[in-house]
Structures are given as C-alpha cells and as structure tokens.
Amino acid sequence: MRNLFLLLVVATLSILTGCSMNENIETEDSFDEIRKIAWDFVKEQGWGTTSDGEWQSAEVQEIIMKDHFEILDLSYNGRTVLKVTFIDRADALVSTPVILIAPDTGQVVGYLLGE
C-alpha cells in the first residue's frame, strides 16, 4: 500500500513538472515578434555591430518606463512597456542599446544607449 502511494506521488509530480516546462517554452516563444521589431530598430540606427547578432536570444521583460530612457512616445512614460536586451559580443566596448516596445502597438517607444 505504501509503495502504491509513493508511485502515485511520483507520477503526479512528473505530470505537473512536464506541464510547467511546456508553459515556459510557449512563454519564451511568444516574444519573437517583439525581439524582431527591436532588432530591426537596432539595425536601422546602426547599433547592431556590438551585438552577437543572435536577436532570437534577446531577453524580454515587462517594466515601467521611466525618465532615464530616451522616450520617443511620451504617452508611455510611467506605463508598462517591454524591455528588449540583446547579448553583446565578447569584444564589444559599448553595449547594444536596450529597446522599449509598446505591448499594445508593437512600436518602439524608447531606448537606453549602451554603456
């Protein structure tokens, strides 16, 4: 009886772990369009030379836009935006700028130049 209980616990944990891993994969993939919009902006501005070029691996986070960013659309100041951070080349002296995207329109609304 004890072995049956242990088997049920292990089976349940395995199922829950598998489901949560699938949810993470879907979440990561849902930002590909946002990454591409940000990468296109970086290239248009001539800032792509410091990045490793792998825009698909850029980190996307929700943040509140603050005054320390270069704001292109003032209506988003103090609102939630998507921050896209690219991975820099190992030999880059200046990092690739952080790009801010409006989640409702998919437009670039700000950036922060690299240091």
Protein backbone atom coordinates (compact mmCIF):
# COMPACT_ATOMS: atom_id res chain seq x y z
CA MET A 1 0.00 0.00 0.00
CA ARG A 2 2.82 2.37 0.87
CA ASN A 3 4.54 1.64 -2.47
CA LEU A 4 1.33 2.41 -4.36
CA PHE A 5 1.02 5.76 -2.58
CA LEU A 6 4.66 6.60 -3.40
CA LEU A 7 4.10 5.64 -7.04
CA LEU A 8 1.06 7.95 -7.24
CA VAL A 9 3.01 10.87 -5.74
CA VAL A 10 5.92 10.41 -8.17
CA ALA A 11 3.56 10.09 -11.17
CA THR A 12 1.66 13.24 -10.16
CA LEU A 13 4.87 15.26 -9.73
CA SER A 14 6.15 14.06 -13.10
CA ILE A 15 2.97 15.18 -14.84
CA LEU A 16 3.00 18.59 -13.13
CA THR A 17 6.66 19.16 -13.97
CA GLY A 18 6.09 18.27 -17.61
CA CYS A 19 3.17 20.69 -17.90
CA SER A 20 5.05 23.58 -16.31
CA MET A 21 8.02 23.06 -18.66
CA ASN A 22 5.72 23.28 -21.69
CA GLU A 23 4.25 26.55 -20.41
CA ASN A 24 7.74 28.10 -20.14
CA ILE A 25 8.58 27.16 -23.72
CA GLU A 26 5.40 28.81 -25.00
CA THR A 27 6.09 31.98 -22.99
CA GLU A 28 9.62 32.32 -24.36
CA ASP A 29 8.46 31.88 -27.95
CA SER A 30 5.64 34.43 -27.63
CA PHE A 31 8.11 37.35 -27.71
CA ASP A 32 9.81 36.51 -31.03
CA GLU A 33 7.92 39.24 -32.89
CA ILE A 34 8.87 41.79 -30.20
CA ARG A 35 12.53 40.72 -30.43
CA LYS A 36 12.44 41.11 -34.23
CA ILE A 37 10.89 44.60 -34.04
CA ALA A 38 13.58 45.68 -31.58
CA TRP A 39 16.36 44.11 -33.67
CA ASP A 40 15.14 45.85 -36.83
CA PHE A 41 15.22 49.18 -34.95
CA VAL A 42 18.75 48.49 -33.71
CA LYS A 43 19.92 47.76 -37.27
CA GLU A 44 18.16 50.86 -38.68
CA GLN A 45 20.00 53.01 -36.14
CA GLY A 46 23.36 51.36 -36.96
CA TRP A 47 23.74 49.93 -33.46
CA GLY A 48 23.88 46.24 -34.40
CA THR A 49 27.67 45.95 -34.55
CA THR A 50 28.09 45.42 -30.79
CA SER A 51 25.53 42.61 -30.57
CA ASP A 52 26.35 38.96 -31.12
CA GLY A 53 23.73 39.05 -33.90
CA GLU A 54 21.51 36.41 -32.31
CA TRP A 55 18.38 38.55 -31.86
CA GLN A 56 16.31 35.43 -31.06
CA SER A 57 18.13 35.10 -27.73
CA ALA A 58 17.38 38.65 -26.56
CA GLU A 59 15.82 38.93 -23.10
CA VAL A 60 12.34 40.47 -22.90
CA GLN A 61 10.93 41.87 -19.65
CA GLU A 62 7.94 43.98 -18.68
CA ILE A 63 8.99 47.22 -16.98
CA ILE A 64 7.57 50.64 -16.18
CA MET A 65 9.08 53.29 -18.48
CA LYS A 66 10.99 55.92 -16.52
CA ASP A 67 12.58 59.26 -17.37
CA HIS A 68 16.12 57.88 -17.66
CA PHE A 69 15.22 56.30 -21.03
CA GLU A 70 15.27 58.21 -24.29
CA ILE A 71 11.49 58.37 -24.75
CA LEU A 72 10.18 58.50 -28.30
CA ASP A 73 6.48 58.48 -27.32
CA LEU A 74 5.80 60.47 -24.14
CA SER A 75 2.38 58.87 -23.69
CA TYR A 76 4.18 55.70 -22.47
CA ASN A 77 6.14 57.43 -19.70
CA GLY A 78 5.12 55.70 -16.46
CA ARG A 79 3.36 52.87 -18.31
CA THR A 80 4.25 49.21 -18.77
CA VAL A 81 6.45 48.50 -21.79
CA LEU A 82 8.54 45.57 -22.99
CA LYS A 83 12.30 45.98 -22.50
CA VAL A 84 14.44 44.07 -25.01
CA THR A 85 18.08 43.47 -24.07
CA PHE A 86 20.46 41.93 -26.60
CA ILE A 87 23.56 39.86 -25.86
CA ASP A 88 26.76 41.72 -26.73
CA ARG A 89 29.83 40.37 -28.46
CA ALA A 90 32.63 39.45 -26.08
CA ASP A 91 34.89 42.18 -27.51
CA ALA A 92 32.26 44.96 -27.53
CA LEU A 93 33.41 48.18 -25.87
CA VAL A 94 29.88 49.62 -25.75
CA SER A 95 26.79 47.51 -25.20
CA THR A 96 23.88 47.31 -27.60
CA PRO A 97 21.12 49.77 -26.60
CA VAL A 98 18.12 48.47 -24.68
CA ILE A 99 14.95 48.89 -26.75
CA LEU A 100 11.47 49.59 -25.34
CA ILE A 101 8.40 48.32 -27.20
CA ALA A 102 4.75 49.21 -26.56
CA PRO A 103 2.98 45.92 -25.84
CA ASP A 104 -0.31 47.15 -27.30
CA THR A 105 1.04 48.51 -30.63
CA GLY A 106 4.37 46.75 -31.15
CA GLN A 107 6.03 50.12 -31.80
CA VAL A 108 9.41 51.23 -30.47
CA VAL A 109 8.65 53.86 -27.82
CA GLY A 110 12.07 54.37 -26.28
CA TYR A 111 15.62 53.15 -25.77
CA LEU A 112 18.62 53.38 -23.50
CA LEU A 113 22.02 53.74 -25.11
CA GLY A 114 24.65 51.22 -24.09
CA GLU A 115 27.48 52.00 -21.73
